[in-house]
């Protein structure tokens, strides 16, 4: 066997070292990664999101708009409903349920409930549908008054005597409408009333013969239920568009209910247009005055029409002074405040003031600004950032209107005027 010389052995040494070095690099890359970055100098510093500027436009805390109700222990601690507006001692034969949906801004809900009660609606027939998404938090008093979703459950049920139905989750406008319809079906209601929460209703005190808003509304629907009613088949009675309306349950079922894919704006155009397409009538009726507002009266006791409380048009300092300082004491032996008279100057002053409130809403470029007047509630159950809620709501509204446009191939409420009818849904090319 011929062995290589010592010199020839060393010829392979550089090659062996080079292969060893490359093997070491390969192993290092395998364990550490080819693109590994050097360790940060301050490992305790982590990446963080870039936050939006804090909203510093914080509205002032809301006051109490009905001090007497706040201190009341029972319904008897409130002023009596005006004698000319009190509901019949024996309930009318019809079931007269009134549904009012609520999501945000308690002062307006309280105001509309008090206005219906003082206009003659039996409290036990009023159903507030709590649509806040806060489950039973309001029922157990776990939200504070500056929380947008706050509602005084105790005052509604124990002092005003109305009913509250709490929705299991937040519903859109169209979903809420179908809930009212479902309630009517399940409770065998041939018709039902519903109204917006941002209104004030008033009876026509200057009408002859006088009838309360409640009486006029019931008689209107009673007449419409007759077989020879001139506007048969009727689907809805608009007492002031849908700010206050009566719904014919069977006709709404026949039409198919509300399209919940069109969640907010545009869903009324869709529903009310389909009423006409089906050969049914949306009837314009009158039961009383309905004011669309964004604010609450300073003291809701004025709606009870006692001589101790009144209101005057803005800027009329003499009238304000007279109304708030000239208090007629209750008659001796009477257990309640002396009420004002039907269609009195104080009532006319109140109507002027309410009309001014409605005019202010029309002049507001963002007519639903009242929905953003509460910004509290941080740390409370089911808290939702107020700005985030409003942003998400506007996005849902926008998508809903796009769905409406796509459904009918047309933009705008005038889908019947451009020749569209039942069966055209989702089949028509865009006309824009």
Protein backbone atom coordinates (compact mmCIF):
# COMPACT_ATOMS: atom_id res chain seq x y z
CA UNK A 1 0.00 0.00 0.00
CA UNK A 2 1.44 3.36 -0.97
CA UNK A 3 0.75 6.08 1.71
CA UNK A 4 0.66 9.74 0.73
CA UNK A 5 3.52 11.86 1.95
CA UNK A 6 3.06 14.29 4.83
CA UNK A 7 3.15 17.27 2.41
CA UNK A 8 0.43 15.82 0.23
CA UNK A 9 -1.79 15.43 3.31
CA UNK A 10 -1.62 19.14 4.07
CA UNK A 11 -2.81 19.92 0.54
CA UNK A 12 -6.37 18.97 1.66
CA UNK A 13 -6.33 20.96 4.90
CA UNK A 14 -7.63 24.32 3.44
CA UNK A 15 -10.44 22.46 1.71
CA UNK A 16 -11.43 20.75 4.95
CA UNK A 17 -11.43 24.07 6.86
CA UNK A 18 -13.50 25.80 4.16
CA UNK A 19 -16.13 23.06 4.25
CA UNK A 20 -16.27 23.24 8.05
CA UNK A 21 -16.82 27.03 7.98
CA UNK A 22 -19.62 26.75 5.41
CA UNK A 23 -21.28 24.04 7.49
CA UNK A 24 -21.14 26.31 10.55
CA UNK A 25 -22.77 29.19 8.61
CA UNK A 26 -25.52 26.91 7.31
CA UNK A 27 -26.35 25.69 10.79
CA UNK A 28 -26.41 29.24 12.15
CA UNK A 29 -28.76 30.43 9.42
CA UNK A 30 -31.02 27.45 10.01
CA UNK A 31 -31.40 28.26 13.69
CA UNK A 32 -31.55 32.07 13.55
CA UNK A 33 -33.19 32.78 10.14
CA UNK A 34 -31.60 34.38 7.15
CA UNK A 35 -33.29 37.74 7.64
CA UNK A 36 -32.91 37.98 11.39
CA UNK A 37 -32.63 41.52 12.69
CA UNK A 38 -30.44 42.54 15.58
CA UNK A 39 -32.17 42.66 18.96
CA UNK A 40 -33.63 46.08 19.77
CA UNK A 41 -31.66 48.23 22.12
CA UNK A 42 -34.82 48.65 24.30
CA UNK A 43 -36.74 45.34 24.25
CA UNK A 44 -39.40 46.77 26.62
CA UNK A 45 -40.66 49.20 23.91
CA UNK A 46 -43.37 47.58 21.72
CA UNK A 47 -45.09 48.85 18.57
CA UNK A 48 -48.26 50.82 19.32
CA UNK A 49 -51.27 52.00 17.22
CA UNK A 50 -51.56 55.54 15.99
CA UNK A 51 -54.61 56.95 17.77
CA UNK A 52 -57.06 59.52 16.48
CA UNK A 53 -57.19 62.84 18.33
CA UNK A 54 -59.44 62.76 21.39
CA UNK A 55 -62.84 64.33 20.92
CA UNK A 56 -62.80 67.35 23.20
CA UNK A 57 -66.31 68.49 22.27
CA UNK A 58 -67.96 67.13 25.40
CA UNK A 59 -71.59 68.27 25.86
CA UNK A 60 -72.57 69.45 29.34
CA UNK A 61 -74.39 66.99 31.60
CA UNK A 62 -78.11 66.76 30.91
CA UNK A 63 -80.42 68.33 33.48
CA UNK A 64 -83.60 66.84 34.91
CA UNK A 65 -86.51 67.79 32.67
CA UNK A 66 -89.29 66.59 34.96
CA UNK A 67 -88.32 67.31 38.58
CA UNK A 68 -91.71 66.32 39.92
CA UNK A 69 -91.48 62.87 38.37
CA UNK A 70 -87.96 62.50 39.69
CA UNK A 71 -89.20 62.92 43.27
CA UNK A 72 -92.43 60.96 42.81
CA UNK A 73 -92.96 57.76 44.78
CA UNK A 74 -96.08 56.68 42.88
CA UNK A 75 -98.28 57.85 39.98
CA UNK A 76 -100.44 59.79 42.45
CA UNK A 77 -97.52 62.17 43.04
CA UNK A 78 -97.83 63.45 39.47
CA UNK A 79 -100.36 66.09 38.40
CA UNK A 80 -103.61 64.61 37.06
CA UNK A 81 -104.18 64.31 33.35
CA UNK A 82 -106.42 67.19 32.18
CA UNK A 83 -110.05 66.22 32.73
CA UNK A 84 -110.90 66.75 29.06
CA UNK A 85 -108.16 64.31 28.03
CA UNK A 86 -108.61 61.52 30.54
CA UNK A 87 -109.16 58.11 28.92
CA UNK A 88 -112.55 56.48 29.39
CA UNK A 89 -113.05 54.83 32.78
CA UNK A 90 -114.06 51.70 30.91
CA UNK A 91 -111.57 50.83 28.20
CA UNK A 92 -112.78 51.08 24.61
CA UNK A 93 -113.68 47.71 23.01
CA UNK A 94 -110.63 47.83 20.76
CA UNK A 95 -107.08 46.96 21.76
CA UNK A 96 -105.15 50.19 21.34
CA UNK A 97 -101.49 49.33 21.75
CA UNK A 98 -99.01 52.10 20.95
CA UNK A 99 -95.38 51.12 20.31
CA UNK A 100 -92.55 53.64 20.75
CA UNK A 101 -89.00 52.54 19.99
CA UNK A 102 -86.04 53.86 21.98
CA UNK A 103 -82.28 53.66 21.45
CA UNK A 104 -80.65 56.91 22.60
CA UNK A 105 -81.42 60.14 24.49
CA UNK A 106 -83.79 59.58 27.41
CA UNK A 107 -85.13 63.19 27.64
CA UNK A 108 -86.99 62.86 24.32
CA UNK A 109 -88.42 59.45 25.21
CA UNK A 110 -89.72 60.77 28.52
CA UNK A 111 -91.22 63.77 26.75
CA UNK A 112 -93.11 61.77 24.11
CA UNK A 113 -94.47 59.33 26.71
CA UNK A 114 -95.74 62.18 28.90
CA UNK A 115 -97.25 63.91 25.87
CA UNK A 116 -99.24 60.79 24.89
CA UNK A 117 -100.44 60.27 28.47
CA UNK A 118 -101.56 63.87 28.83
CA UNK A 119 -103.26 63.67 25.41
CA UNK A 120 -105.45 60.86 26.71
CA UNK A 121 -103.62 57.63 25.85
CA UNK A 122 -104.08 54.98 28.57
CA UNK A 123 -100.61 54.37 30.06
CA UNK A 124 -101.22 50.62 30.17
CA UNK A 125 -101.59 50.66 26.37
CA UNK A 126 -98.22 52.34 25.77
CA UNK A 127 -95.31 49.98 25.03
CA UNK A 128 -91.80 51.41 25.05
CA UNK A 129 -89.55 49.07 23.07
CA UNK A 130 -86.08 49.42 24.54
CA UNK A 131 -83.67 48.95 21.64
CA UNK A 132 -80.40 49.90 23.33
CA UNK A 133 -78.40 46.69 23.11
CA UNK A 134 -77.70 46.89 26.87
CA UNK A 135 -79.83 43.88 27.86
CA UNK A 136 -81.23 44.34 31.41
CA UNK A 137 -78.83 47.09 32.48
CA UNK A 138 -81.54 49.78 32.50
CA UNK A 139 -84.02 47.55 34.29
CA UNK A 140 -81.57 47.12 37.15
CA UNK A 141 -80.40 50.75 37.16
CA UNK A 142 -76.84 50.01 36.08
CA UNK A 143 -76.46 52.90 33.61
CA UNK A 144 -76.02 56.56 34.54
CA UNK A 145 -78.05 59.40 33.09
CA UNK A 146 -75.19 60.67 30.90
CA UNK A 147 -74.93 57.32 29.09
CA UNK A 148 -76.52 57.63 25.60
CA UNK A 149 -78.45 54.38 26.18
CA UNK A 150 -79.72 55.32 29.63
CA UNK A 151 -83.45 54.97 30.23
CA UNK A 152 -85.27 55.38 33.55
CA UNK A 153 -86.99 52.00 33.64
CA UNK A 154 -88.43 52.58 37.11
CA UNK A 155 -89.99 55.92 36.18
CA UNK A 156 -91.55 54.52 33.03
CA UNK A 157 -93.09 51.46 34.65
CA UNK A 158 -93.79 52.54 38.25
CA UNK A 159 -94.46 56.29 37.97
CA UNK A 160 -95.85 56.71 34.44
CA UNK A 161 -97.37 53.22 34.39
CA UNK A 162 -96.35 52.24 30.86
CA UNK A 163 -94.89 48.95 29.64
CA UNK A 164 -91.30 48.28 28.59
CA UNK A 165 -90.21 45.51 26.22
CA UNK A 166 -86.42 45.05 26.11
CA UNK A 167 -85.02 43.75 22.82
CA UNK A 168 -82.38 41.01 23.17
CA UNK A 169 -80.03 42.83 20.78
CA UNK A 170 -79.81 46.10 18.90
CA UNK A 171 -82.27 46.19 15.99
CA UNK A 172 -82.30 48.35 12.87
CA UNK A 173 -85.32 50.49 12.08
CA UNK A 174 -86.73 47.91 9.66
CA UNK A 175 -86.16 45.06 12.12
CA UNK A 176 -87.93 47.02 14.85
CA UNK A 177 -90.91 47.58 12.55
CA UNK A 178 -91.16 43.85 11.91
CA UNK A 179 -91.01 43.29 15.67
CA UNK A 180 -94.08 45.52 16.10
CA UNK A 181 -95.80 43.50 13.39
CA UNK A 182 -94.81 40.26 15.11
CA UNK A 183 -96.20 41.54 18.41
CA UNK A 184 -99.49 42.34 16.68
CA UNK A 185 -99.67 38.87 15.13
CA UNK A 186 -98.86 37.10 18.41
CA UNK A 187 -101.35 39.18 20.40
CA UNK A 188 -104.20 39.00 17.87
CA UNK A 189 -104.20 42.75 17.22
CA UNK A 190 -106.12 43.64 14.04
CA UNK A 191 -104.33 46.99 14.13
CA UNK A 192 -101.75 48.79 16.24
CA UNK A 193 -100.32 52.26 16.63
CA UNK A 194 -96.67 53.24 16.57
CA UNK A 195 -94.78 56.49 16.81
CA UNK A 196 -91.36 58.11 16.79
CA UNK A 197 -89.73 59.01 20.09
CA UNK A 198 -88.60 62.49 18.98
CA UNK A 199 -92.05 64.09 18.81
CA UNK A 200 -94.58 65.79 21.09
CA UNK A 201 -98.28 65.12 20.52
CA UNK A 202 -101.12 67.43 21.46
CA UNK A 203 -104.89 67.25 21.30
CA UNK A 204 -106.81 69.78 19.19
CA UNK A 205 -108.10 71.82 22.11
CA UNK A 206 -109.47 74.47 19.75
CA UNK A 207 -111.59 71.99 17.76
CA UNK A 208 -115.37 71.72 18.08
CA UNK A 209 -116.72 69.30 19.12
CA UNK A 210 -113.74 68.56 21.31
CA UNK A 211 -112.18 65.11 21.38
CA UNK A 212 -108.81 64.06 22.77
CA UNK A 213 -106.02 62.85 20.49
CA UNK A 214 -106.61 59.32 21.79
CA UNK A 215 -110.35 59.44 21.08
CA UNK A 216 -109.83 60.80 17.57
CA UNK A 217 -107.20 58.15 16.76
CA UNK A 218 -109.40 55.29 17.99
CA UNK A 219 -112.48 56.56 16.18
CA UNK A 220 -110.50 56.98 12.96
CA UNK A 221 -109.34 53.35 12.99
CA UNK A 222 -112.75 52.13 14.16
CA UNK A 223 -114.31 53.77 11.11
CA UNK A 224 -111.61 52.29 8.86
CA UNK A 225 -112.44 48.78 10.08
CA UNK A 226 -115.94 48.97 8.63
CA UNK A 227 -116.56 47.00 5.40
CA UNK A 228 -117.86 50.09 3.60
CA UNK A 229 -114.86 52.27 4.51
CA UNK A 230 -114.12 54.54 1.56
CA UNK A 231 -110.38 53.76 1.46
CA UNK A 232 -110.54 49.98 1.68
CA UNK A 233 -108.29 48.10 1.57
CA UNK A 234 -106.20 50.33 3.85
CA UNK A 235 -102.75 49.38 5.12
CA UNK A 236 -101.70 52.38 7.20
CA UNK A 237 -103.20 55.57 8.61
CA UNK A 238 -100.72 58.46 8.66
CA UNK A 239 -101.70 60.88 11.43
CA UNK A 240 -98.54 62.86 10.70
CA UNK A 241 -96.68 60.74 8.17
CA UNK A 242 -95.11 57.95 10.27
CA UNK A 243 -94.31 60.17 13.25
CA UNK A 244 -97.61 58.74 14.50
CA UNK A 245 -99.44 56.06 12.55
CA UNK A 246 -101.87 53.14 12.74
CA UNK A 247 -101.06 49.87 10.96
CA UNK A 248 -103.50 47.30 9.56
CA UNK A 249 -101.86 44.05 10.66
CA UNK A 250 -103.37 41.78 7.99
CA UNK A 251 -102.42 44.11 5.15
CA UNK A 252 -98.79 44.43 6.31
CA UNK A 253 -98.57 40.64 6.57
CA UNK A 254 -99.99 40.33 3.04
CA UNK A 255 -97.36 42.72 1.70
CA UNK A 256 -94.62 40.68 3.35
CA UNK A 257 -93.52 43.00 6.13
CA UNK A 258 -90.54 45.33 6.04
CA UNK A 259 -87.43 44.57 3.99
CA UNK A 260 -84.81 44.26 6.74
CA UNK A 261 -81.97 44.35 4.20
CA UNK A 262 -82.80 48.07 3.81
CA UNK A 263 -82.04 48.85 7.42
CA UNK A 264 -82.81 52.56 7.89
CA UNK A 265 -83.40 55.35 5.38
CA UNK A 266 -85.10 54.10 2.25
CA UNK A 267 -86.92 51.26 3.97
CA UNK A 268 -90.01 53.47 4.41
CA UNK A 269 -89.90 54.32 0.69
CA UNK A 270 -89.76 50.62 -0.07
CA UNK A 271 -92.58 49.61 2.28
CA UNK A 272 -94.96 52.44 1.53
CA UNK A 273 -94.42 52.10 -2.22
CA UNK A 274 -95.22 48.40 -2.05
CA UNK A 275 -98.49 49.30 -0.29
CA UNK A 276 -99.58 51.25 -3.36
CA UNK A 277 -98.22 48.64 -5.77
CA UNK A 278 -100.42 46.06 -4.04
CA UNK A 279 -103.52 48.20 -4.58
CA UNK A 280 -103.79 49.20 -0.92
CA UNK A 281 -104.14 52.66 0.58
CA UNK A 282 -101.90 54.74 2.82
CA UNK A 283 -104.49 57.12 4.29
CA UNK A 284 -103.73 60.60 5.58
CA UNK A 285 -105.69 61.11 8.81
CA UNK A 286 -105.81 63.59 11.68
CA UNK A 287 -105.98 62.94 15.41
CA UNK A 288 -104.06 65.88 16.84
CA UNK A 289 -100.94 67.99 16.54
CA UNK A 290 -97.57 66.22 16.17
CA UNK A 291 -94.40 68.27 16.61
CA UNK A 292 -91.07 66.84 15.43
CA UNK A 293 -88.44 68.14 17.88
CA UNK A 294 -84.81 67.72 19.00
CA UNK A 295 -85.03 69.10 22.53
CA UNK A 296 -87.11 68.69 25.65
CA UNK A 297 -89.30 71.25 27.32
CA UNK A 298 -87.57 72.61 30.42
CA UNK A 299 -90.25 71.14 32.66
CA UNK A 300 -92.69 68.54 31.35
CA UNK A 301 -95.22 69.50 34.00
CA UNK A 302 -96.52 72.12 31.55
CA UNK A 303 -98.10 69.29 29.55
CA UNK A 304 -100.47 68.53 32.44
CA UNK A 305 -102.18 71.91 31.86
CA UNK A 306 -102.49 73.12 35.42
CA UNK A 307 -102.80 76.81 36.18
CA UNK A 308 -99.65 76.58 38.27
CA UNK A 309 -97.56 75.83 35.19
CA UNK A 310 -97.48 77.43 31.78
CA UNK A 311 -95.17 78.50 29.03
CA UNK A 312 -94.88 81.51 26.77
CA UNK A 313 -93.31 82.14 23.37
CA UNK A 314 -89.61 82.90 23.42
CA UNK A 315 -88.80 86.53 23.89
CA UNK A 316 -92.19 87.41 25.36
CA UNK A 317 -90.84 88.34 28.80
CA UNK A 318 -94.11 89.83 30.05
CA UNK A 319 -96.06 86.71 29.16
CA UNK A 320 -93.42 84.48 30.73
CA UNK A 321 -93.50 86.54 33.91
CA UNK A 322 -97.28 86.34 34.07
CA UNK A 323 -97.44 82.61 33.41
CA UNK A 324 -94.77 81.61 35.89
CA UNK A 325 -95.56 83.96 38.75
CA UNK A 326 -99.36 84.06 38.67
CA UNK A 327 -100.27 80.78 40.30
CA UNK A 328 -103.87 80.03 41.06
CA UNK A 329 -104.05 78.12 44.35
CA UNK A 330 -106.01 74.93 44.46
CA UNK A 331 -109.58 75.19 45.64
CA UNK A 332 -109.99 74.59 49.34
CA UNK A 333 -110.62 70.93 50.00
CA UNK A 334 -109.44 69.88 46.57
CA UNK A 335 -106.81 67.17 46.54
CA UNK A 336 -105.19 68.28 43.29
CA UNK A 337 -103.99 71.39 41.51
CA UNK A 338 -106.58 73.46 39.75
CA UNK A 339 -106.43 72.73 36.05
CA UNK A 340 -106.38 75.30 33.31
CA UNK A 341 -109.26 75.71 30.88
CA UNK A 342 -109.65 74.12 27.47
CA UNK A 343 -107.87 76.08 24.69
CA UNK A 344 -106.74 78.75 27.14
CA UNK A 345 -104.17 81.44 26.30
CA UNK A 346 -101.60 79.26 28.07
CA UNK A 347 -102.40 76.39 25.70
CA UNK A 348 -102.00 78.64 22.66
CA UNK A 349 -98.68 79.89 24.05
CA UNK A 350 -97.57 76.29 24.50
CA UNK A 351 -98.43 75.46 20.86
CA UNK A 352 -96.43 78.46 19.67
CA UNK A 353 -93.47 77.34 21.73
CA UNK A 354 -93.69 73.76 20.43
CA UNK A 355 -93.86 75.03 16.85
CA UNK A 356 -90.71 77.06 17.48
CA UNK A 357 -89.00 73.91 18.74
CA UNK A 358 -90.08 72.09 15.56
CA UNK A 359 -88.84 74.98 13.40
CA UNK A 360 -85.46 74.78 15.14
CA UNK A 361 -85.19 71.15 14.10
CA UNK A 362 -85.93 71.97 10.49
CA UNK A 363 -83.25 74.67 10.57
CA UNK A 364 -80.65 72.31 12.05
CA UNK A 365 -78.40 71.04 9.21
CA UNK A 366 -78.09 67.77 11.13
CA UNK A 367 -81.68 67.23 12.22
CA UNK A 368 -80.84 64.23 14.39
CA UNK A 369 -78.09 65.97 16.34
CA UNK A 370 -79.98 65.09 19.53
CA UNK A 371 -78.72 61.52 19.14
CA UNK A 372 -75.18 62.62 20.03
CA UNK A 373 -75.85 64.79 23.09
CA UNK A 374 -74.74 62.21 25.66
CA UNK A 375 -71.14 61.02 25.85
CA UNK A 376 -70.88 59.36 29.25
CA UNK A 377 -71.07 55.77 30.36
CA UNK A 378 -67.40 54.73 30.19
CA UNK A 379 -66.88 51.64 32.33
CA UNK A 380 -70.59 50.83 32.52
CA UNK A 381 -72.11 47.54 31.27
CA UNK A 382 -72.19 47.12 27.49
CA UNK A 383 -70.47 50.47 26.93
CA UNK A 384 -70.09 51.49 23.28
CA UNK A 385 -68.02 54.44 22.19
CA UNK A 386 -70.53 57.18 21.17
CA UNK A 387 -68.51 58.35 18.16
CA UNK A 388 -67.97 54.77 17.05
CA UNK A 389 -71.68 54.02 17.37
CA UNK A 390 -72.61 57.04 15.26
CA UNK A 391 -69.98 56.19 12.63
CA UNK A 392 -71.16 52.58 12.39
CA UNK A 393 -74.79 53.71 12.19
CA UNK A 394 -74.07 56.08 9.32
CA UNK A 395 -72.23 53.31 7.49
CA UNK A 396 -75.24 51.01 7.91
CA UNK A 397 -77.56 53.75 6.67
CA UNK A 398 -75.38 54.27 3.59
CA UNK A 399 -75.27 50.55 2.77
CA UNK A 400 -79.04 50.31 3.26
CA UNK A 401 -79.72 53.05 0.73
CA UNK A 402 -77.40 51.33 -1.75
CA UNK A 403 -79.35 48.10 -1.30
CA UNK A 404 -82.60 50.00 -1.95
CA UNK A 405 -81.14 51.50 -5.14
CA UNK A 406 -79.95 48.08 -6.31
CA UNK A 407 -83.26 46.39 -5.44
CA UNK A 408 -85.28 48.72 -7.65
CA UNK A 409 -82.64 49.86 -10.13
CA UNK A 410 -83.60 53.42 -9.25
CA UNK A 411 -82.52 56.10 -6.80
CA UNK A 412 -85.24 57.96 -4.95
CA UNK A 413 -88.63 57.31 -3.39
CA UNK A 414 -90.55 57.75 -6.64
CA UNK A 415 -90.28 54.14 -7.78
CA UNK A 416 -93.99 53.93 -8.60
CA UNK A 417 -93.84 57.14 -10.62
CA UNK A 418 -91.15 55.68 -12.88
CA UNK A 419 -93.30 52.64 -13.65
CA UNK A 420 -91.94 50.05 -11.23
CA UNK A 421 -94.23 47.50 -9.61
CA UNK A 422 -94.31 44.31 -7.60
CA UNK A 423 -92.19 41.67 -9.29
CA UNK A 424 -89.61 44.17 -10.53
CA UNK A 425 -87.45 43.82 -7.41
CA UNK A 426 -83.82 42.95 -8.23
CA UNK A 427 -84.63 42.61 -11.96
CA UNK A 428 -84.21 46.14 -13.27
CA UNK A 429 -81.05 47.66 -14.71
CA UNK A 430 -79.81 50.89 -13.19
CA UNK A 431 -81.47 54.02 -14.59
CA UNK A 432 -78.66 56.31 -13.45
